[in-house]
Structures are given as structure tokens and as C-alpha cells.
């Protein structure tokens, strides 16, 4: 997380600390997931995941269009970056569909990190 805020000044440290606190709160709340699972039916959780995915879609497309934010320059959206993003998506989906056991999960994680 330090690499995300590197070179952006000390005012960004507050956001970093806030993210760490939210992560700690999430870890604490995970102890009670079994108890609140009855209050969260599949329809509700599915809609929440869908809304998060739709809100993050713009960021994913921007990352697929270029390696770094290059809006307004000729380097934004060149075919090489789209090809690389497409290959990563296809390989990840095929590994998840046809991969045996732990390999399918591991290859999806590697695809997310790529």
C-alpha cells in the first residue's frame, strides 16, 4: 500500500491509515459472519457484488487501455494493451472453468494480480 501513495505527499497517509482501520474492522467482523449469514440472503449479497462490480468496471477498462493513466495521449488504448488484457481474461476464465481443484483458484488469483 505504501507504493500506492508514494510521492503523493503526507496528506495521503490519512487515507492509508483509514484503509488499514477498515481492514482491521473487516477482520473483526469476519468473526461474526456465521451469525449474520441468516440476515443476508443470496439475492441481497448477489446484488451487492453486482453493484460493486459495475462501479469498478470503469477502472478495469482504464487499466486495460493502458499500463499507466495516459488519458488524452496517443498511448491510451493502443491495441497491445487491449490484447494483453484480453489474453489475461481468456486464460483466467479457461483456468477457472477447466482447471482441476486448487489450480483453478490459484490461476484466478494470478490473473487478478496480472
C-alpha atoms as a PDB file:
ATOM      1  CA  UNK A   1       0.000   0.000   0.000  1.00  0.00           C
ATOM      2  CA  UNK A   2       2.953   2.293   0.502  1.00  0.00           C
ATOM      3  CA  UNK A   3       3.699   2.121  -3.226  1.00  0.00           C
ATOM      4  CA  UNK A   4       0.209   3.417  -3.963  1.00  0.00           C
ATOM      5  CA  UNK A   5       0.763   6.636  -2.024  1.00  0.00           C
ATOM      6  CA  UNK A   6       4.474   7.104  -2.750  1.00  0.00           C
ATOM      7  CA  UNK A   7       5.255  10.602  -3.923  1.00  0.00           C
ATOM      8  CA  UNK A   8       1.790  11.995  -3.234  1.00  0.00           C
ATOM      9  CA  UNK A   9       2.566  13.896  -0.051  1.00  0.00           C
ATOM     10  CA  UNK A  10       1.730  13.434   3.612  1.00  0.00           C
ATOM     11  CA  UNK A  11      -1.996  14.176   3.212  1.00  0.00           C
ATOM     12  CA  UNK A  12      -2.479  10.768   1.578  1.00  0.00           C
ATOM     13  CA  UNK A  13      -1.249   8.972   4.710  1.00  0.00           C
ATOM     14  CA  UNK A  14      -4.660   9.631   6.317  1.00  0.00           C
ATOM     15  CA  UNK A  15      -6.302   7.580   3.586  1.00  0.00           C
ATOM     16  CA  UNK A  16      -3.762   4.816   4.092  1.00  0.00           C
ATOM     17  CA  UNK A  17      -4.441   4.719   7.838  1.00  0.00           C
ATOM     18  CA  UNK A  18      -8.197   4.748   7.172  1.00  0.00           C
ATOM     19  CA  UNK A  19      -7.832   1.772   4.826  1.00  0.00           C
ATOM     20  CA  UNK A  20      -5.852  -0.118   7.460  1.00  0.00           C
ATOM     21  CA  UNK A  21      -8.519   0.592  10.084  1.00  0.00           C
ATOM     22  CA  UNK A  22     -11.291  -0.564   7.764  1.00  0.00           C
ATOM     23  CA  UNK A  23      -9.315  -3.735   7.081  1.00  0.00           C
ATOM     24  CA  UNK A  24      -8.988  -4.355  10.814  1.00  0.00           C
ATOM     25  CA  UNK A  25     -12.708  -3.770  11.308  1.00  0.00           C
ATOM     26  CA  UNK A  26     -13.437  -6.174   8.480  1.00  0.00           C
ATOM     27  CA  UNK A  27     -11.232  -8.823  10.077  1.00  0.00           C
ATOM     28  CA  UNK A  28     -13.038  -8.327  13.397  1.00  0.00           C
ATOM     29  CA  UNK A  29     -16.475  -8.547  11.764  1.00  0.00           C
ATOM     30  CA  UNK A  30     -15.481 -11.733   9.960  1.00  0.00           C
ATOM     31  CA  UNK A  31     -15.645 -13.487  13.327  1.00  0.00           C
ATOM     32  CA  UNK A  32     -19.420 -12.952  13.305  1.00  0.00           C
ATOM     33  CA  UNK A  33     -20.194 -13.922   9.697  1.00  0.00           C
ATOM     34  CA  UNK A  34     -21.779 -17.212  10.729  1.00  0.00           C
ATOM     35  CA  UNK A  35     -24.300 -15.416  12.916  1.00  0.00           C
ATOM     36  CA  UNK A  36     -25.323 -12.752  10.412  1.00  0.00           C
ATOM     37  CA  UNK A  37     -25.400 -15.058   7.407  1.00  0.00           C
ATOM     38  CA  UNK A  38     -29.107 -15.710   8.018  1.00  0.00           C
ATOM     39  CA  UNK A  39     -29.834 -11.998   7.560  1.00  0.00           C
ATOM     40  CA  UNK A  40     -28.052 -11.869   4.185  1.00  0.00           C
ATOM     41  CA  UNK A  41     -29.860 -13.993   1.595  1.00  0.00           C
ATOM     42  CA  UNK A  42     -28.211 -14.834  -1.706  1.00  0.00           C
ATOM     43  CA  UNK A  43     -30.256 -12.262  -3.618  1.00  0.00           C
ATOM     44  CA  UNK A  44     -29.028  -9.403  -1.442  1.00  0.00           C
ATOM     45  CA  UNK A  45     -25.390 -10.446  -1.480  1.00  0.00           C
ATOM     46  CA  UNK A  46     -25.520 -11.084  -5.227  1.00  0.00           C
ATOM     47  CA  UNK A  47     -26.907  -7.612  -5.875  1.00  0.00           C
ATOM     48  CA  UNK A  48     -24.258  -6.022  -3.670  1.00  0.00           C
ATOM     49  CA  UNK A  49     -21.483  -7.842  -5.536  1.00  0.00           C
ATOM     50  CA  UNK A  50     -23.043  -6.814  -8.858  1.00  0.00           C
ATOM     51  CA  UNK A  51     -23.194  -3.148  -7.832  1.00  0.00           C
ATOM     52  CA  UNK A  52     -19.562  -3.197  -6.692  1.00  0.00           C
ATOM     53  CA  UNK A  53     -18.511  -4.827  -9.966  1.00  0.00           C
ATOM     54  CA  UNK A  54     -20.420  -2.277 -12.035  1.00  0.00           C
ATOM     55  CA  UNK A  55     -18.884   0.624 -10.133  1.00  0.00           C
ATOM     56  CA  UNK A  56     -15.366  -0.796 -10.633  1.00  0.00           C
ATOM     57  CA  UNK A  57     -15.862  -1.533 -14.332  1.00  0.00           C
ATOM     58  CA  UNK A  58     -14.639   1.922 -15.384  1.00  0.00           C
ATOM     59  CA  UNK A  59     -11.371   1.428 -13.508  1.00  0.00           C
ATOM     60  CA  UNK A  60     -10.862  -2.009 -15.061  1.00  0.00           C
ATOM     61  CA  UNK A  61     -11.359  -0.648 -18.555  1.00  0.00           C
ATOM     62  CA  UNK A  62      -8.934   2.198 -17.887  1.00  0.00           C
ATOM     63  CA  UNK A  63      -6.324  -0.275 -16.631  1.00  0.00           C
ATOM     64  CA  UNK A  64      -6.888  -2.470 -19.682  1.00  0.00           C
ATOM     65  CA  UNK A  65      -6.488   0.505 -22.004  1.00  0.00           C
ATOM     66  CA  UNK A  66      -3.070   1.484 -20.700  1.00  0.00           C
ATOM     67  CA  UNK A  67      -0.464   0.466 -18.172  1.00  0.00           C
ATOM     68  CA  UNK A  68      -0.449   3.894 -16.558  1.00  0.00           C
ATOM     69  CA  UNK A  69      -3.057   6.664 -16.673  1.00  0.00           C
ATOM     70  CA  UNK A  70      -2.421   8.256 -20.059  1.00  0.00           C
ATOM     71  CA  UNK A  71      -5.709   9.997 -20.822  1.00  0.00           C
ATOM     72  CA  UNK A  72      -5.571  12.263 -23.828  1.00  0.00           C
ATOM     73  CA  UNK A  73      -2.321  10.863 -25.201  1.00  0.00           C
ATOM     74  CA  UNK A  74      -1.812   8.556 -28.178  1.00  0.00           C
ATOM     75  CA  UNK A  75      -0.558   5.813 -25.828  1.00  0.00           C
ATOM     76  CA  UNK A  76      -4.020   5.406 -24.282  1.00  0.00           C
ATOM     77  CA  UNK A  77      -5.956   2.480 -25.717  1.00  0.00           C
ATOM     78  CA  UNK A  78      -3.351   1.048 -28.085  1.00  0.00           C
ATOM     79  CA  UNK A  79      -4.093  -2.453 -29.361  1.00  0.00           C
ATOM     80  CA  UNK A  80      -1.202  -4.099 -27.493  1.00  0.00           C
ATOM     81  CA  UNK A  81      -2.638  -3.314 -24.063  1.00  0.00           C
ATOM     82  CA  UNK A  82      -6.128  -4.478 -25.109  1.00  0.00           C
ATOM     83  CA  UNK A  83      -4.623  -7.690 -26.482  1.00  0.00           C
ATOM     84  CA  UNK A  84      -2.744  -8.354 -23.239  1.00  0.00           C
ATOM     85  CA  UNK A  85      -5.879  -7.674 -21.165  1.00  0.00           C
ATOM     86  CA  UNK A  86      -7.912  -9.991 -23.397  1.00  0.00           C
ATOM     87  CA  UNK A  87      -5.360 -12.783 -23.118  1.00  0.00           C
ATOM     88  CA  UNK A  88      -5.339 -12.469 -19.314  1.00  0.00           C
ATOM     89  CA  UNK A  89      -9.147 -12.618 -19.178  1.00  0.00           C
ATOM     90  CA  UNK A  90      -9.378 -15.625 -21.521  1.00  0.00           C
ATOM     91  CA  UNK A  91      -6.637 -17.591 -19.745  1.00  0.00           C
ATOM     92  CA  UNK A  92      -8.141 -16.826 -16.329  1.00  0.00           C
ATOM     93  CA  UNK A  93     -11.650 -17.852 -17.383  1.00  0.00           C
ATOM     94  CA  UNK A  94     -10.418 -21.061 -19.030  1.00  0.00           C
ATOM     95  CA  UNK A  95      -8.333 -21.927 -15.979  1.00  0.00           C
ATOM     96  CA  UNK A  96     -11.313 -21.338 -13.716  1.00  0.00           C
ATOM     97  CA  UNK A  97     -13.599 -23.426 -15.913  1.00  0.00           C
ATOM     98  CA  UNK A  98     -11.319 -26.326 -16.818  1.00  0.00           C
ATOM     99  CA  UNK A  99      -8.641 -26.227 -14.116  1.00  0.00           C
ATOM    100  CA  UNK A 100      -8.576 -29.003 -11.527  1.00  0.00           C
ATOM    101  CA  UNK A 101      -9.217 -28.085  -7.879  1.00  0.00           C
ATOM    102  CA  UNK A 102      -6.714 -25.725  -6.332  1.00  0.00           C
ATOM    103  CA  UNK A 103      -5.182 -24.812  -9.695  1.00  0.00           C
ATOM    104  CA  UNK A 104      -8.344 -23.065 -10.853  1.00  0.00           C
ATOM    105  CA  UNK A 105      -8.394 -20.889  -7.735  1.00  0.00           C
ATOM    106  CA  UNK A 106      -4.668 -20.184  -7.877  1.00  0.00           C
ATOM    107  CA  UNK A 107      -4.735 -19.236 -11.548  1.00  0.00           C
ATOM    108  CA  UNK A 108      -7.652 -16.859 -10.965  1.00  0.00           C
ATOM    109  CA  UNK A 109      -5.590 -15.161  -8.246  1.00  0.00           C
ATOM    110  CA  UNK A 110      -2.623 -14.908 -10.598  1.00  0.00           C
ATOM    111  CA  UNK A 111      -4.914 -13.448 -13.270  1.00  0.00           C
ATOM    112  CA  UNK A 112      -6.152 -10.818 -10.829  1.00  0.00           C
ATOM    113  CA  UNK A 113      -2.610  -9.878  -9.895  1.00  0.00           C
ATOM    114  CA  UNK A 114      -1.545  -9.631 -13.525  1.00  0.00           C
END
